Amino acid sequence: MAQDDLPSAPESADGATGPATVEIRTAARAALIPTVRAVASDLAARADFDLDAISDLRMAVDEACATLVGLATPDSALRCTFDVHGERIDVSARVHTPDGAELPTDSFGWRVLQTLADRVSVEAGAADGAASAADSASTLTIRLHKLSGPGL
């Protein structure tokens, strides 16, 4: 389904339309991933995702966050943004990493992400405030796109 073919976000009770955005920032620690996973699950349930799609999103967010936390610098924050657009949720999870860190896209975890999400991508870039390539910090971002159910 093309981006333009996706349904628009429903009108809320207060008359506002468009996507709803939720952002969570925590320390990049494995012990805090269940909190992010719970938010993903709750947002999907509130958006009337079917049970399979809720479960898939929850597991995809868990895998993405666990992968990133494993690559993060010790003082990094895990930043997750959820954009709810009616029948789809776009997730962006990001951490600061040591310069040159790469996310392996030939791993079992990456295959799991590709199976659970309708679309998945990874982006590497300079960390916020990094003025040049000589700075020793960068970021890795995993972006997930999940539809509310099969056949949409």
Foldseek 3Di string as FASTA:
>chain_A
DDPVPDDFADQDPVRDGHKDKDKDKDFLDLVCQVVVLVVQLVVLVVLVFDPLLSVLRSVLSNLQSVQQSVFADNRKMWMWMWIDTRFKIKIKIKIKGWPPDDRDCVDPSNVSNVVSAVDKDKDKAADVPDPDSPDGIIMMMMMGMHGRYPPD
